[in-house]
Amino acid sequence: MGIKTTEFGKTKDGKIVNLYTLTNKNGVSASFTDLGGTWVSMMVPDKDGKFEDVCLGYDTVAGYENNIPHFGSIIGRYANRIPEGKFTIDGKEFQLALNNGNNALHSGPDYWHDRIWEVGTFEDEDRDMITFMLISPDGDQGFGGEARINVSYVLSDDNALTIGYSFVCDKKTAVNLTNHAYFNLAGQDSKNIYDQEVMIFADSFLPCDENSVPTGEIRKVENTAMDFRKYKKIGKEIDSDYDAVIQGGGYDHNWVIKDYNGELRLAAKAKDENSKRVMEVYTDLPGVQFYTGNYLTEEIVGKRGVTYPKRSGYCFETQFFPNAVNMPEFIQPVVDELEEFISETVYKFSVERD
């Protein structure tokens, strides 16, 4: 169906920002902006064929210039939390900025989503693709080496949005990339996620300390509020007295994907009983951070003037385990000099039929 390019607006310093929209043969569409390579919208039908945008976000450039919740953001160089912002590679210590208490979170505050990315588009009979490209210089965010990052979005005719990541650095470094899209399958304006159901293909999760950093324990989900091995309503145990839920103020933890072997596999599913919309999440990474928007507030004004109160959207952030770079017992998110890191995540949308 081709790629549509429109002017989205201008940044506060006058730079033009564009919006790029992929549309498949079913009328399903996904939009992205070169401000951060950010995923802006996902229009999918319900059981009656009514289309709604299921991604939280903004309809102005100004919104994305103040994107505190990281709606739809490409997160890098290192997603999630690193305590004290420190890690060591081959005896050299790196110090990142602290922007989440005593943590470095998502490599901020100089976020990738605040930068204009280069754009390339590709169209043929089988697929259309948008690729966003960024050069991260040596020392950027506190990391060593110049890195080249490509993030590609492809929308297929089976309503799957594939995100492809490529990262190459001229020095050995740590890398943990993800997308921070927030979903609400009832529509971005519905404000409620409690009755939506989630399944996570994981027997274990990572408990965290008081700073939301994994303790190193890998704990079984069985007989806990963290058990999503079968569909469960998000709201069923989100305010239970289970220690991990209390610590996270809801769900904000990394689940250990079952039978991980480095290949693309189904990690999670979500569905909305009223609209019958279903989303499947596939990844080739070992973990998925299920986050239930515990820090959203009514003060956040999104698309069409809708406010996004606490827990009005949820994320499935596919990634290496948080702070793995400092925890040798975890799968290591480290690449050698000029070694290409490649990863893929798929969000596939469908309608559940009775």
Protein backbone atom coordinates (compact mmCIF):
# COMPACT_ATOMS: atom_id res chain seq x y z
CA MET A 1 0.00 0.00 0.00
CA GLY A 2 3.06 2.24 0.09
CA ILE A 3 4.55 4.65 2.58
CA LYS A 4 2.91 8.00 3.24
CA THR A 5 5.09 10.87 4.43
CA THR A 6 3.61 13.99 6.00
CA GLU A 7 5.01 16.90 7.96
CA PHE A 8 4.31 16.28 11.65
CA GLY A 9 5.42 19.71 12.84
CA LYS A 10 8.53 21.52 13.99
CA THR A 11 10.71 21.22 17.06
CA LYS A 12 11.05 24.14 19.44
CA ASP A 13 14.29 25.06 17.65
CA GLY A 14 12.60 25.02 14.24
CA LYS A 15 13.62 21.64 12.83
CA ILE A 16 11.03 19.94 10.59
CA VAL A 17 9.74 16.61 11.91
CA ASN A 18 8.02 14.14 9.58
CA LEU A 19 5.53 11.34 10.12
CA TYR A 20 5.81 8.11 8.13
CA THR A 21 2.84 5.76 7.79
CA LEU A 22 2.82 2.12 6.70
CA THR A 23 -0.54 0.67 5.59
CA ASN A 24 -1.22 -2.94 4.60
CA LYS A 25 -3.89 -4.43 2.34
CA ASN A 26 -6.28 -4.79 5.32
CA GLY A 27 -6.21 -1.07 6.08
CA VAL A 28 -4.13 -1.65 9.21
CA SER A 29 -1.60 1.15 9.62
CA ALA A 30 1.35 2.11 11.79
CA SER A 31 2.96 5.55 12.01
CA PHE A 32 6.43 6.64 13.09
CA THR A 33 8.31 9.90 13.41
CA ASP A 34 11.94 10.74 12.73
CA LEU A 35 12.01 12.47 16.11
CA GLY A 36 13.50 9.48 17.90
CA GLY A 37 12.36 6.93 15.33
CA THR A 38 9.34 6.79 17.60
CA TRP A 39 6.33 4.49 17.09
CA VAL A 40 3.41 6.94 17.15
CA SER A 41 0.26 4.93 16.31
CA MET A 42 -1.14 1.49 15.49
CA MET A 43 -4.59 1.41 13.87
CA VAL A 44 -6.18 -2.05 14.10
CA PRO A 45 -9.78 -3.32 13.80
CA ASP A 46 -12.00 -4.87 16.44
CA LYS A 47 -14.52 -7.71 16.04
CA ASP A 48 -16.89 -5.38 14.14
CA GLY A 49 -14.20 -3.99 11.86
CA LYS A 50 -13.97 -0.70 13.75
CA PHE A 51 -10.45 0.71 13.74
CA GLU A 52 -8.87 2.20 16.85
CA ASP A 53 -5.39 3.39 17.70
CA VAL A 54 -4.05 0.98 20.35
CA CYS A 55 -0.81 2.86 21.12
CA LEU A 56 -0.62 5.65 23.69
CA GLY A 57 1.21 8.75 22.55
CA TYR A 58 0.92 12.30 21.30
CA ASP A 59 -0.41 13.98 18.17
CA THR A 60 2.08 16.86 18.29
CA VAL A 61 5.83 17.24 18.08
CA ALA A 62 5.71 19.22 21.33
CA GLY A 63 4.34 16.15 23.08
CA TYR A 64 7.23 14.00 21.93
CA GLU A 65 9.71 16.70 22.92
CA ASN A 66 8.52 16.18 26.48
CA ASN A 67 8.06 12.41 26.31
CA ILE A 68 8.68 11.57 29.96
CA PRO A 69 6.89 8.16 29.79
CA HIS A 70 8.90 7.25 26.63
CA PHE A 71 5.75 6.54 24.57
CA GLY A 72 6.81 4.47 21.53
CA SER A 73 10.48 5.31 22.03
CA ILE A 74 13.52 3.45 20.75
CA ILE A 75 15.53 2.96 23.93
CA GLY A 76 19.31 2.81 23.80
CA ARG A 77 22.17 2.42 24.16
CA TYR A 78 21.06 0.54 27.24
CA ALA A 79 17.46 -0.08 28.27
CA ASN A 80 16.28 -0.37 31.86
CA ARG A 81 18.22 0.39 35.04
CA ILE A 82 21.93 0.30 35.85
CA PRO A 83 22.56 0.99 39.56
CA GLU A 84 24.85 3.95 40.19
CA GLY A 85 25.12 4.18 36.39
CA LYS A 86 28.34 2.18 36.46
CA PHE A 87 29.63 -0.84 34.58
CA THR A 88 33.04 -2.18 33.62
CA ILE A 89 34.23 -3.75 30.35
CA ASP A 90 37.73 -5.24 30.13
CA GLY A 91 38.81 -3.34 33.23
CA LYS A 92 37.55 0.07 32.12
CA GLU A 93 34.75 1.65 34.12
CA PHE A 94 32.01 3.67 32.43
CA GLN A 95 29.84 6.19 34.24
CA LEU A 96 26.36 7.08 32.97
CA ALA A 97 24.18 9.95 34.18
CA LEU A 98 21.85 9.17 37.09
CA ASN A 99 18.26 10.05 36.23
CA ASN A 100 16.17 7.61 38.30
CA GLY A 101 17.21 8.01 41.92
CA ASN A 102 20.56 6.27 42.14
CA ASN A 103 20.04 4.56 38.76
CA ALA A 104 20.78 5.32 35.15
CA LEU A 105 17.45 4.54 33.44
CA HIS A 106 17.20 4.03 29.67
CA SER A 107 20.58 5.78 29.25
CA GLY A 108 19.03 9.18 29.97
CA PRO A 109 18.73 12.07 30.32
CA ASP A 110 20.26 12.54 26.84
CA TYR A 111 17.72 10.19 25.29
CA TRP A 112 17.79 8.89 21.76
CA HIS A 113 14.12 9.82 21.41
CA ASP A 114 15.01 13.49 21.67
CA ARG A 115 17.12 13.36 18.48
CA ILE A 116 16.21 13.62 14.81
CA TRP A 117 17.14 10.36 13.06
CA GLU A 118 18.02 9.87 9.41
CA VAL A 119 15.34 8.01 7.43
CA GLY A 120 15.35 5.50 4.60
CA THR A 121 12.26 3.97 2.99
CA PHE A 122 11.91 0.80 0.94
CA GLU A 123 8.86 -0.28 -1.05
CA ASP A 124 8.17 -3.33 -3.18
CA GLU A 125 5.33 -5.75 -3.89
CA ASP A 126 6.00 -7.90 -0.83
CA ARG A 127 6.72 -5.39 1.89
CA ASP A 128 7.29 -1.76 2.76
CA MET A 129 9.95 -0.77 5.28
CA ILE A 130 10.99 2.36 7.12
CA THR A 131 14.50 2.47 8.56
CA PHE A 132 15.68 5.05 11.06
CA MET A 133 19.43 5.60 11.38
CA LEU A 134 21.51 7.23 14.10
CA ILE A 135 25.21 7.69 14.77
CA SER A 136 26.01 7.69 18.48
CA PRO A 137 29.47 9.24 18.94
CA ASP A 138 32.23 8.01 21.23
CA GLY A 139 31.36 9.07 24.78
CA ASP A 140 27.66 9.53 24.00
CA GLN A 141 25.60 9.06 27.20
CA GLY A 142 28.83 7.89 28.86
CA PHE A 143 29.39 4.86 26.60
CA GLY A 144 32.61 4.16 24.73
CA GLY A 145 32.97 3.92 20.96
CA GLU A 146 31.14 5.34 17.97
CA ALA A 147 28.05 3.29 17.24
CA ARG A 148 25.82 3.09 14.18
CA ILE A 149 22.24 2.12 14.83
CA ASN A 150 19.56 1.10 12.33
CA VAL A 151 16.00 0.41 13.45
CA SER A 152 13.58 -0.85 10.80
CA TYR A 153 9.80 -1.16 10.92
CA VAL A 154 7.93 -3.52 8.57
CA LEU A 155 4.14 -4.03 8.51
CA SER A 156 3.02 -7.29 6.91
CA ASP A 157 -0.36 -8.25 5.49
CA ASP A 158 -0.97 -10.56 8.45
CA ASN A 159 -1.01 -7.44 10.65
CA ALA A 160 2.43 -8.02 12.20
CA LEU A 161 4.66 -5.06 12.95
CA THR A 162 8.28 -6.20 12.96
CA ILE A 163 11.03 -4.12 14.55
CA GLY A 164 14.54 -4.96 13.41
CA TYR A 165 17.54 -3.65 15.33
CA SER A 166 21.13 -3.40 14.08
CA PHE A 167 23.97 -1.97 16.19
CA VAL A 168 27.69 -1.80 15.37
CA CYS A 169 30.32 -0.05 17.49
CA ASP A 170 34.02 0.54 16.88
CA LYS A 171 34.80 -0.44 20.50
CA LYS A 172 33.68 -3.33 22.67
CA THR A 173 30.59 -2.10 24.47
CA ALA A 174 27.30 -2.90 26.19
CA VAL A 175 24.05 -2.73 24.24
CA ASN A 176 20.44 -3.39 25.23
CA LEU A 177 17.85 -2.03 22.79
CA THR A 178 14.07 -2.06 23.08
CA ASN A 179 10.91 -0.19 22.12
CA HIS A 180 8.84 1.41 24.88
CA ALA A 181 5.42 1.36 23.20
CA TYR A 182 2.41 1.45 25.54
CA PHE A 183 -0.62 -0.55 24.43
CA ASN A 184 -4.30 -0.52 25.26
CA LEU A 185 -6.22 -2.93 23.06
CA ALA A 186 -9.52 -1.23 23.90
CA GLY A 187 -8.13 1.93 22.30
CA GLN A 188 -5.63 4.54 23.42
CA ASP A 189 -8.43 6.63 24.89
CA SER A 190 -10.07 3.95 27.07
CA LYS A 191 -7.95 4.70 30.20
CA ASN A 192 -8.41 1.22 31.68
CA ILE A 193 -6.34 -1.96 31.35
CA TYR A 194 -7.51 -3.97 34.36
CA ASP A 195 -9.91 -6.24 32.47
CA GLN A 196 -7.53 -6.96 29.61
CA GLU A 197 -5.90 -10.35 29.81
CA VAL A 198 -2.21 -11.17 29.50
CA MET A 199 -0.26 -14.38 29.01
CA ILE A 200 3.54 -14.48 29.40
CA PHE A 201 5.45 -17.55 28.27
CA ALA A 202 7.73 -17.66 31.29
CA ASP A 203 8.10 -19.95 34.29
CA SER A 204 10.29 -17.44 36.16
CA PHE A 205 10.79 -13.72 36.72
CA LEU A 206 13.44 -11.45 38.24
CA PRO A 207 12.63 -10.01 41.69
CA CYS A 208 14.02 -6.52 42.29
CA ASP A 209 15.41 -4.55 45.20
CA GLU A 210 13.99 -1.26 46.51
CA ASN A 211 15.63 0.53 43.54
CA SER A 212 13.88 -1.72 40.99
CA VAL A 213 17.14 -3.46 40.07
CA PRO A 214 17.19 -7.28 39.85
CA THR A 215 18.64 -8.94 42.93
CA GLY A 216 20.08 -11.81 40.90
CA GLU A 217 17.43 -14.28 42.03
CA ILE A 218 15.46 -16.09 39.33
CA ARG A 219 12.17 -16.95 41.01
CA LYS A 220 9.44 -19.32 39.85
CA VAL A 221 6.11 -17.67 39.08
CA GLU A 222 4.12 -20.67 40.30
CA ASN A 223 1.71 -19.80 43.11
CA THR A 224 2.55 -16.10 42.89
CA ALA A 225 0.90 -12.96 41.52
CA MET A 226 3.51 -13.05 38.76
CA ASP A 227 2.06 -16.18 37.16
CA PHE A 228 0.77 -15.35 33.67
CA ARG A 229 1.34 -18.79 32.15
CA LYS A 230 -2.39 -18.81 31.41
CA TYR A 231 -4.45 -15.78 30.43
CA LYS A 232 -5.12 -13.62 33.49
CA LYS A 233 -6.73 -10.23 33.87
CA ILE A 234 -4.11 -7.56 34.52
CA GLY A 235 -6.11 -6.22 37.44
CA LYS A 236 -6.66 -9.54 39.21
CA GLU A 237 -3.54 -9.44 41.40
CA ILE A 238 -1.92 -6.11 40.50
CA ASP A 239 -2.66 -4.72 43.98
CA SER A 240 -2.06 -7.93 45.90
CA ASP A 241 0.19 -8.20 48.94
CA TYR A 242 2.82 -10.19 47.05
CA ASP A 243 6.25 -8.69 47.72
CA ALA A 244 7.25 -8.12 44.09
CA VAL A 245 3.98 -6.40 43.25
CA ILE A 246 4.29 -4.15 46.29
CA GLN A 247 7.90 -3.32 45.38
CA GLY A 248 7.00 -2.41 41.79
CA GLY A 249 3.80 -0.55 42.56
CA GLY A 250 2.19 -3.05 40.18
CA TYR A 251 3.92 -4.98 37.43
CA ASP A 252 7.30 -3.60 36.36
CA HIS A 253 9.52 -6.67 36.15
CA ASN A 254 11.44 -8.80 33.70
CA TRP A 255 10.11 -12.25 32.89
CA VAL A 256 12.52 -15.01 31.82
CA ILE A 257 11.25 -16.27 28.48
CA LYS A 258 10.76 -20.02 28.48
CA ASP A 259 13.07 -22.18 26.35
CA TYR A 260 15.11 -19.20 25.17
CA ASN A 261 17.66 -20.19 22.53
CA GLY A 262 18.35 -16.93 20.71
CA GLU A 263 15.70 -17.56 18.05
CA LEU A 264 12.44 -15.68 17.53
CA ARG A 265 9.71 -17.12 19.74
CA LEU A 266 6.36 -16.18 21.23
CA ALA A 267 6.97 -14.35 24.51
CA ALA A 268 3.61 -12.84 25.47
CA LYS A 269 0.01 -12.31 24.42
CA ALA A 270 -2.67 -9.82 25.38
CA LYS A 271 -6.37 -9.62 24.57
CA ASP A 272 -9.34 -7.38 25.18
CA GLU A 273 -12.56 -9.29 25.71
CA ASN A 274 -14.88 -6.51 24.53
CA SER A 275 -13.18 -5.61 21.25
CA LYS A 276 -11.74 -9.13 20.78
CA ARG A 277 -8.42 -7.59 19.77
CA VAL A 278 -5.41 -9.81 20.37
CA MET A 279 -1.71 -8.95 20.34
CA GLU A 280 1.14 -11.46 20.21
CA VAL A 281 4.72 -10.49 21.08
CA TYR A 282 7.67 -12.38 19.61
CA THR A 283 11.35 -11.79 20.39
CA ASP A 284 14.79 -13.38 20.04
CA LEU A 285 15.95 -11.86 23.35
CA PRO A 286 15.87 -13.62 26.75
CA GLY A 287 13.58 -11.27 28.67
CA VAL A 288 10.46 -9.17 28.46
CA GLN A 289 9.71 -6.30 30.81
CA PHE A 290 5.97 -6.24 31.48
CA TYR A 291 5.17 -2.76 32.76
CA THR A 292 1.65 -1.65 33.61
CA GLY A 293 2.01 2.13 33.43
CA ASN A 294 2.21 2.53 37.20
CA TYR A 295 3.78 5.99 36.88
CA LEU A 296 1.37 7.47 34.35
CA THR A 297 -0.74 10.37 35.64
CA GLU A 298 -3.83 12.36 34.66
CA GLU A 299 -1.48 15.28 33.98
CA ILE A 300 -0.22 13.55 30.83
CA VAL A 301 -2.30 14.75 27.88
CA GLY A 302 -2.04 12.58 24.79
CA LYS A 303 -3.76 12.16 21.45
CA ARG A 304 -7.02 14.03 20.88
CA GLY A 305 -6.67 15.61 24.33
CA VAL A 306 -7.03 12.29 26.13
CA THR A 307 -5.36 12.05 29.53
CA TYR A 308 -3.40 8.95 30.50
CA PRO A 309 -3.96 8.14 34.17
CA LYS A 310 -2.11 5.52 36.16
CA ARG A 311 -2.27 2.10 34.46
CA SER A 312 -3.98 3.24 31.28
CA GLY A 313 -1.49 1.34 29.11
CA TYR A 314 1.06 -1.45 29.35
CA CYS A 315 4.39 -2.30 27.78
CA PHE A 316 6.11 -5.46 26.64
CA GLU A 317 9.74 -4.32 26.39
CA THR A 318 11.79 -7.15 24.90
CA GLN A 319 15.37 -7.00 26.12
CA PHE A 320 18.34 -8.52 27.91
CA PHE A 321 17.83 -8.81 31.65
CA PRO A 322 18.12 -5.46 33.48
CA ASN A 323 21.64 -4.68 34.75
CA ALA A 324 22.95 -7.84 33.07
CA VAL A 325 26.15 -5.98 32.18
CA ASN A 326 26.98 -6.03 35.91
CA MET A 327 25.68 -9.54 36.58
CA PRO A 328 27.86 -12.22 34.94
CA GLU A 329 25.35 -14.93 35.84
CA PHE A 330 22.94 -13.39 33.28
CA ILE A 331 23.22 -13.61 29.49
CA GLN A 332 25.64 -10.84 28.59
CA PRO A 333 24.57 -7.78 26.51
CA VAL A 334 28.09 -7.09 25.27
CA VAL A 335 29.37 -6.90 21.68
CA ASP A 336 32.95 -6.90 20.49
CA GLU A 337 34.54 -4.20 18.38
CA LEU A 338 32.77 -4.06 14.97
CA GLU A 339 30.58 -7.06 15.86
CA GLU A 340 27.04 -6.45 14.62
CA PHE A 341 24.28 -6.90 17.15
CA ILE A 342 21.04 -7.90 15.41
CA SER A 343 17.68 -8.47 17.04
CA GLU A 344 14.02 -8.67 16.06
CA THR A 345 10.75 -8.13 17.88
CA VAL A 346 7.28 -8.67 16.39
CA TYR A 347 3.92 -7.31 17.58
CA LYS A 348 1.19 -9.18 15.74
CA PHE A 349 -2.45 -8.07 15.90
CA SER A 350 -5.56 -10.13 15.25
CA VAL A 351 -9.20 -10.53 16.27
CA GLU A 352 -10.35 -13.44 18.39
CA ARG A 353 -13.31 -15.23 16.82
CA ASP A 354 -16.01 -16.90 18.90
